[in-house]
C-alpha atoms as a PDB file:
ATOM      1  CA  UNK A   1     -71.875-105.468 -14.072  1.00  0.00           C
ATOM      2  CA  UNK A   2     -74.726-103.270 -15.281  1.00  0.00           C
ATOM      3  CA  UNK A   3     -77.387-102.126 -12.790  1.00  0.00           C
ATOM      4  CA  UNK A   4     -76.346-104.890 -10.366  1.00  0.00           C
ATOM      5  CA  UNK A   5     -76.673-107.625 -13.023  1.00  0.00           C
ATOM      6  CA  UNK A   6     -73.599-109.640 -14.029  1.00  0.00           C
ATOM      7  CA  UNK A   7     -72.981-110.240 -17.738  1.00  0.00           C
ATOM      8  CA  UNK A   8     -70.391-112.160 -19.715  1.00  0.00           C
ATOM      9  CA  UNK A   9     -68.669-109.609 -21.952  1.00  0.00           C
ATOM     10  CA  UNK A  10     -69.781-111.645 -25.003  1.00  0.00           C
ATOM     11  CA  UNK A  11     -73.446-111.377 -23.937  1.00  0.00           C
ATOM     12  CA  UNK A  12     -73.447-107.671 -23.079  1.00  0.00           C
ATOM     13  CA  UNK A  13     -74.496-106.527 -26.558  1.00  0.00           C
ATOM     14  CA  UNK A  14     -76.750-103.933 -28.138  1.00  0.00           C
ATOM     15  CA  UNK A  15     -80.205-105.388 -28.840  1.00  0.00           C
ATOM     16  CA  UNK A  16     -80.280-103.571 -32.196  1.00  0.00           C
ATOM     17  CA  UNK A  17     -76.805-103.732 -33.790  1.00  0.00           C
ATOM     18  CA  UNK A  18     -75.147-106.445 -31.652  1.00  0.00           C
ATOM     19  CA  UNK A  19     -72.138-104.268 -30.778  1.00  0.00           C
ATOM     20  CA  UNK A  20     -70.510-104.976 -27.389  1.00  0.00           C
ATOM     21  CA  UNK A  21     -71.807-102.479 -24.813  1.00  0.00           C
ATOM     22  CA  UNK A  22     -69.970-100.301 -22.322  1.00  0.00           C
ATOM     23  CA  UNK A  23     -71.121 -98.711 -19.078  1.00  0.00           C
ATOM     24  CA  UNK A  24     -72.766 -96.052 -21.308  1.00  0.00           C
ATOM     25  CA  UNK A  25     -75.456 -98.560 -22.338  1.00  0.00           C
ATOM     26  CA  UNK A  26     -79.052 -97.372 -22.335  1.00  0.00           C
ATOM     27  CA  UNK A  27     -82.074 -99.430 -21.372  1.00  0.00           C
ATOM     28  CA  UNK A  28     -85.420 -99.039 -23.127  1.00  0.00           C
ATOM     29  CA  UNK A  29     -88.410-101.280 -22.469  1.00  0.00           C
ATOM     30  CA  UNK A  30     -86.218-103.971 -20.900  1.00  0.00           C
ATOM     31  CA  UNK A  31     -83.709-104.070 -23.793  1.00  0.00           C
ATOM     32  CA  UNK A  32     -80.143-102.696 -23.793  1.00  0.00           C
ATOM     33  CA  UNK A  33     -78.796-100.454 -26.563  1.00  0.00           C
ATOM     34  CA  UNK A  34     -75.560 -98.686 -27.433  1.00  0.00           C
ATOM     35  CA  UNK A  35     -75.746 -94.874 -27.446  1.00  0.00           C
ATOM     36  CA  UNK A  36     -75.902 -94.465 -31.265  1.00  0.00           C
ATOM     37  CA  UNK A  37     -78.765 -96.999 -31.607  1.00  0.00           C
ATOM     38  CA  UNK A  38     -80.602 -95.554 -28.631  1.00  0.00           C
ATOM     39  CA  UNK A  39     -80.343 -92.019 -30.054  1.00  0.00           C
ATOM     40  CA  UNK A  40     -81.680 -93.212 -33.431  1.00  0.00           C
ATOM     41  CA  UNK A  41     -84.805 -94.542 -31.713  1.00  0.00           C
ATOM     42  CA  UNK A  42     -86.021 -90.958 -31.144  1.00  0.00           C
ATOM     43  CA  UNK A  43     -86.166 -91.164 -27.359  1.00  0.00           C
ATOM     44  CA  UNK A  44     -86.051 -87.584 -26.046  1.00  0.00           C
ATOM     45  CA  UNK A  45     -83.054 -86.568 -23.940  1.00  0.00           C
ATOM     46  CA  UNK A  46     -83.540 -84.327 -20.874  1.00  0.00           C
ATOM     47  CA  UNK A  47     -82.095 -80.810 -21.210  1.00  0.00           C
ATOM     48  CA  UNK A  48     -80.943 -80.920 -17.567  1.00  0.00           C
ATOM     49  CA  UNK A  49     -79.549 -84.387 -16.837  1.00  0.00           C
ATOM     50  CA  UNK A  50     -78.896 -85.504 -20.448  1.00  0.00           C
ATOM     51  CA  UNK A  51     -80.567 -88.860 -19.708  1.00  0.00           C
ATOM     52  CA  UNK A  52     -83.373 -90.385 -21.823  1.00  0.00           C
ATOM     53  CA  UNK A  53     -86.955 -89.467 -20.962  1.00  0.00           C
ATOM     54  CA  UNK A  54     -89.254 -92.463 -20.957  1.00  0.00           C
ATOM     55  CA  UNK A  55     -92.240 -91.007 -19.083  1.00  0.00           C
ATOM     56  CA  UNK A  56     -93.930 -87.617 -19.345  1.00  0.00           C
ATOM     57  CA  UNK A  57     -92.004 -84.989 -21.299  1.00  0.00           C
ATOM     58  CA  UNK A  58     -92.008 -81.208 -20.825  1.00  0.00           C
ATOM     59  CA  UNK A  59     -91.271 -79.266 -24.025  1.00  0.00           C
ATOM     60  CA  UNK A  60     -89.996 -75.778 -23.138  1.00  0.00           C
ATOM     61  CA  UNK A  61     -87.181 -73.378 -23.986  1.00  0.00           C
ATOM     62  CA  UNK A  62     -86.518 -75.365 -27.164  1.00  0.00           C
ATOM     63  CA  UNK A  63     -85.588 -78.484 -25.162  1.00  0.00           C
ATOM     64  CA  UNK A  64     -87.221 -81.530 -23.614  1.00  0.00           C
ATOM     65  CA  UNK A  65     -87.146 -82.175 -19.881  1.00  0.00           C
ATOM     66  CA  UNK A  66     -88.071 -84.745 -17.257  1.00  0.00           C
ATOM     67  CA  UNK A  67     -91.029 -83.216 -15.409  1.00  0.00           C
ATOM     68  CA  UNK A  68     -89.010 -83.047 -12.186  1.00  0.00           C
ATOM     69  CA  UNK A  69     -86.001 -81.433 -13.932  1.00  0.00           C
ATOM     70  CA  UNK A  70     -87.852 -78.476 -15.470  1.00  0.00           C
ATOM     71  CA  UNK A  71     -87.293 -75.987 -12.631  1.00  0.00           C
ATOM     72  CA  UNK A  72     -87.189 -72.263 -11.812  1.00  0.00           C
ATOM     73  CA  UNK A  73     -83.727 -70.821 -12.565  1.00  0.00           C
ATOM     74  CA  UNK A  74     -83.768 -68.967  -9.207  1.00  0.00           C
ATOM     75  CA  UNK A  75     -85.350 -71.270  -6.582  1.00  0.00           C
ATOM     76  CA  UNK A  76     -84.881 -74.561  -8.507  1.00  0.00           C
ATOM     77  CA  UNK A  77     -88.381 -75.786  -7.617  1.00  0.00           C
ATOM     78  CA  UNK A  78     -90.032 -77.891 -10.346  1.00  0.00           C
ATOM     79  CA  UNK A  79     -92.988 -76.273 -12.107  1.00  0.00           C
ATOM     80  CA  UNK A  80     -94.907 -79.582 -12.128  1.00  0.00           C
ATOM     81  CA  UNK A  81     -97.355 -78.280 -14.717  1.00  0.00           C
ATOM     82  CA  UNK A  82     -97.651 -74.782 -13.214  1.00  0.00           C
ATOM     83  CA  UNK A  83     -97.070 -71.664 -15.306  1.00  0.00           C
ATOM     84  CA  UNK A  84     -93.526 -70.506 -15.981  1.00  0.00           C
ATOM     85  CA  UNK A  85     -92.117 -67.259 -17.379  1.00  0.00           C
ATOM     86  CA  UNK A  86     -89.214 -67.149 -19.812  1.00  0.00           C
ATOM     87  CA  UNK A  87     -86.440 -64.545 -19.935  1.00  0.00           C
ATOM     88  CA  UNK A  88     -83.096 -64.826 -21.765  1.00  0.00           C
ATOM     89  CA  UNK A  89     -83.450 -68.586 -22.293  1.00  0.00           C
ATOM     90  CA  UNK A  90     -84.253 -69.366 -18.655  1.00  0.00           C
ATOM     91  CA  UNK A  91     -87.512 -70.309 -16.936  1.00  0.00           C
ATOM     92  CA  UNK A  92     -88.765 -68.650 -13.743  1.00  0.00           C
ATOM     93  CA  UNK A  93     -91.711 -69.127 -11.384  1.00  0.00           C
ATOM     94  CA  UNK A  94     -94.048 -66.119 -11.176  1.00  0.00           C
ATOM     95  CA  UNK A  95     -92.629 -64.929  -7.845  1.00  0.00           C
ATOM     96  CA  UNK A  96     -89.011 -64.868  -8.975  1.00  0.00           C
ATOM     97  CA  UNK A  97     -89.792 -63.506 -12.440  1.00  0.00           C
ATOM     98  CA  UNK A  98     -91.562 -60.544 -10.822  1.00  0.00           C
ATOM     99  CA  UNK A  99     -88.767 -60.041  -8.279  1.00  0.00           C
ATOM    100  CA  UNK A 100     -86.079 -60.037 -10.962  1.00  0.00           C
ATOM    101  CA  UNK A 101     -87.807 -58.397 -13.920  1.00  0.00           C
ATOM    102  CA  UNK A 102     -91.140 -56.940 -12.786  1.00  0.00           C
ATOM    103  CA  UNK A 103     -92.165 -53.302 -12.480  1.00  0.00           C
ATOM    104  CA  UNK A 104     -91.885 -51.711  -9.029  1.00  0.00           C
ATOM    105  CA  UNK A 105     -94.693 -49.384  -7.941  1.00  0.00           C
ATOM    106  CA  UNK A 106     -93.563 -45.773  -7.523  1.00  0.00           C
ATOM    107  CA  UNK A 107     -95.901 -45.328  -4.542  1.00  0.00           C
ATOM    108  CA  UNK A 108     -95.621 -48.516  -2.443  1.00  0.00           C
ATOM    109  CA  UNK A 109     -92.265 -49.847  -3.784  1.00  0.00           C
ATOM    110  CA  UNK A 110     -93.646 -53.381  -4.186  1.00  0.00           C
ATOM    111  CA  UNK A 111     -93.267 -55.490  -7.324  1.00  0.00           C
ATOM    112  CA  UNK A 112     -96.458 -55.013  -9.322  1.00  0.00           C
ATOM    113  CA  UNK A 113     -98.372 -58.244  -9.820  1.00  0.00           C
ATOM    114  CA  UNK A 114    -101.140 -57.859 -12.360  1.00  0.00           C
ATOM    115  CA  UNK A 115    -102.002 -54.699 -14.272  1.00  0.00           C
ATOM    116  CA  UNK A 116     -99.515 -51.828 -14.362  1.00  0.00           C
ATOM    117  CA  UNK A 117    -100.520 -48.177 -14.706  1.00  0.00           C
ATOM    118  CA  UNK A 118     -97.846 -46.245 -16.611  1.00  0.00           C
ATOM    119  CA  UNK A 119     -98.160 -42.508 -15.999  1.00  0.00           C
ATOM    120  CA  UNK A 120     -95.784 -39.604 -15.445  1.00  0.00           C
ATOM    121  CA  UNK A 121     -92.890 -41.837 -16.621  1.00  0.00           C
ATOM    122  CA  UNK A 122     -93.471 -44.160 -13.656  1.00  0.00           C
ATOM    123  CA  UNK A 123     -95.132 -47.511 -12.952  1.00  0.00           C
ATOM    124  CA  UNK A 124     -97.962 -47.739 -10.420  1.00  0.00           C
ATOM    125  CA  UNK A 125    -100.133 -50.506  -8.933  1.00  0.00           C
ATOM    126  CA  UNK A 126    -103.763 -50.057  -9.969  1.00  0.00           C
ATOM    127  CA  UNK A 127    -104.645 -49.515  -6.281  1.00  0.00           C
ATOM    128  CA  UNK A 128    -101.824 -47.009  -5.702  1.00  0.00           C
ATOM    129  CA  UNK A 129    -102.560 -44.746  -8.666  1.00  0.00           C
ATOM    130  CA  UNK A 130    -104.546 -42.030  -6.898  1.00  0.00           C
ATOM    131  CA  UNK A 131    -104.633 -38.286  -6.374  1.00  0.00           C
ATOM    132  CA  UNK A 132    -101.720 -37.277  -4.147  1.00  0.00           C
ATOM    133  CA  UNK A 133    -103.924 -34.651  -2.483  1.00  0.00           C
ATOM    134  CA  UNK A 134    -107.290 -36.341  -1.758  1.00  0.00           C
ATOM    135  CA  UNK A 135    -106.315 -40.022  -2.379  1.00  0.00           C
ATOM    136  CA  UNK A 136    -109.264 -40.628  -4.742  1.00  0.00           C
ATOM    137  CA  UNK A 137    -108.553 -43.480  -7.178  1.00  0.00           C
ATOM    138  CA  UNK A 138    -107.490 -42.458 -10.666  1.00  0.00           C
ATOM    139  CA  UNK A 139    -107.369 -44.274 -13.978  1.00  0.00           C
ATOM    140  CA  UNK A 140    -105.693 -43.172 -17.179  1.00  0.00           C
ATOM    141  CA  UNK A 141    -109.159 -42.079 -18.356  1.00  0.00           C
ATOM    142  CA  UNK A 142    -109.415 -39.536 -15.509  1.00  0.00           C
ATOM    143  CA  UNK A 143    -108.062 -36.056 -16.106  1.00  0.00           C
ATOM    144  CA  UNK A 144    -105.153 -35.314 -13.780  1.00  0.00           C
ATOM    145  CA  UNK A 145    -102.262 -32.876 -13.527  1.00  0.00           C
ATOM    146  CA  UNK A 146     -98.677 -33.570 -12.516  1.00  0.00           C
ATOM    147  CA  UNK A 147     -97.654 -31.744  -9.366  1.00  0.00           C
ATOM    148  CA  UNK A 148     -94.399 -32.533  -7.564  1.00  0.00           C
ATOM    149  CA  UNK A 149     -93.994 -35.603  -9.873  1.00  0.00           C
ATOM    150  CA  UNK A 150     -97.299 -37.028  -8.577  1.00  0.00           C
ATOM    151  CA  UNK A 151    -100.843 -37.064  -9.985  1.00  0.00           C
ATOM    152  CA  UNK A 152    -103.422 -34.550  -8.770  1.00  0.00           C
ATOM    153  CA  UNK A 153    -107.081 -34.961  -9.776  1.00  0.00           C
ATOM    154  CA  UNK A 154    -108.864 -32.188 -11.646  1.00  0.00           C
ATOM    155  CA  UNK A 155    -111.025 -31.342  -8.608  1.00  0.00           C
ATOM    156  CA  UNK A 156    -108.012 -30.811  -6.311  1.00  0.00           C
ATOM    157  CA  UNK A 157    -106.153 -28.911  -9.019  1.00  0.00           C
ATOM    158  CA  UNK A 158    -109.083 -26.494  -9.300  1.00  0.00           C
ATOM    159  CA  UNK A 159    -108.630 -25.668  -5.586  1.00  0.00           C
ATOM    160  CA  UNK A 160    -104.946 -24.732  -6.039  1.00  0.00           C
ATOM    161  CA  UNK A 161    -104.192 -21.004  -5.654  1.00  0.00           C
ATOM    162  CA  UNK A 162    -104.373 -19.124  -8.962  1.00  0.00           C
ATOM    163  CA  UNK A 163    -100.696 -18.103  -8.763  1.00  0.00           C
ATOM    164  CA  UNK A 164     -99.605 -21.746  -8.365  1.00  0.00           C
ATOM    165  CA  UNK A 165    -101.747 -22.821 -11.344  1.00  0.00           C
ATOM    166  CA  UNK A 166    -100.163 -20.056 -13.459  1.00  0.00           C
ATOM    167  CA  UNK A 167     -96.643 -21.225 -12.528  1.00  0.00           C
ATOM    168  CA  UNK A 168     -97.560 -24.867 -13.301  1.00  0.00           C
ATOM    169  CA  UNK A 169     -99.017 -23.843 -16.672  1.00  0.00           C
ATOM    170  CA  UNK A 170     -95.883 -21.829 -17.510  1.00  0.00           C
ATOM    171  CA  UNK A 171     -93.639 -24.749 -16.499  1.00  0.00           C
ATOM    172  CA  UNK A 172     -95.741 -27.134 -18.578  1.00  0.00           C
ATOM    173  CA  UNK A 173     -95.492 -24.828 -21.621  1.00  0.00           C
ATOM    174  CA  UNK A 174     -91.703 -24.574 -21.239  1.00  0.00           C
ATOM    175  CA  UNK A 175     -91.194 -28.327 -21.005  1.00  0.00           C
ATOM    176  CA  UNK A 176     -93.483 -28.991 -23.979  1.00  0.00           C
ATOM    177  CA  UNK A 177     -91.525 -26.442 -26.091  1.00  0.00           C
ATOM    178  CA  UNK A 178     -88.227 -28.134 -25.169  1.00  0.00           C
ATOM    179  CA  UNK A 179     -89.655 -31.481 -26.230  1.00  0.00           C
ATOM    180  CA  UNK A 180     -90.677 -30.148 -29.683  1.00  0.00           C
ATOM    181  CA  UNK A 181     -88.017 -30.062 -32.414  1.00  0.00           C
ATOM    182  CA  UNK A 182     -86.868 -26.574 -33.297  1.00  0.00           C
ATOM    183  CA  UNK A 183     -87.722 -25.409 -36.797  1.00  0.00           C
ATOM    184  CA  UNK A 184     -84.849 -24.307 -38.996  1.00  0.00           C
ATOM    185  CA  UNK A 185     -85.300 -21.871 -41.863  1.00  0.00           C
ATOM    186  CA  UNK A 186     -83.566 -23.605 -44.763  1.00  0.00           C
ATOM    187  CA  UNK A 187     -83.890 -20.453 -46.946  1.00  0.00           C
ATOM    188  CA  UNK A 188     -81.831 -18.277 -44.571  1.00  0.00           C
ATOM    189  CA  UNK A 189     -78.388 -17.637 -45.944  1.00  0.00           C
END
């Protein structure tokens, strides 16, 4: 029996080489083939189910897939032609890629979808990157000062008390000196 059809063992043969077939027989365009002959015909094999692909083929991650078997590694929903994101040999939908590997905004704690502003050693949503004092939107082109690990626009900084600005300047100078390599006098004995 093969796919509900009864065969005499003598008639259950490979259409190409004539070898007697087993339950591992493969069908292609109405003809039956043994595995070696079928594999030689160049029919792609699905990376998920290991069965031949006779219809549309998805080429991704260095393998070939049935359209319905190329799925997100997290939710297992097929991409069906939609965009996928690759990480460590696996494919993810946009939602799960961002959840697992995306940047989280320092201000709102949400995964950042779209452009990321990197400032003050943190990641920010474009909409969340603003002055922590007056909430005016900032870009990396705006001049701002770090205060309490948050950005402060130039206008708000100018309104800070003089003593506070002096302390911030001194702190900034100290941290920049620590970041610079110390010079060593190679002639000193």
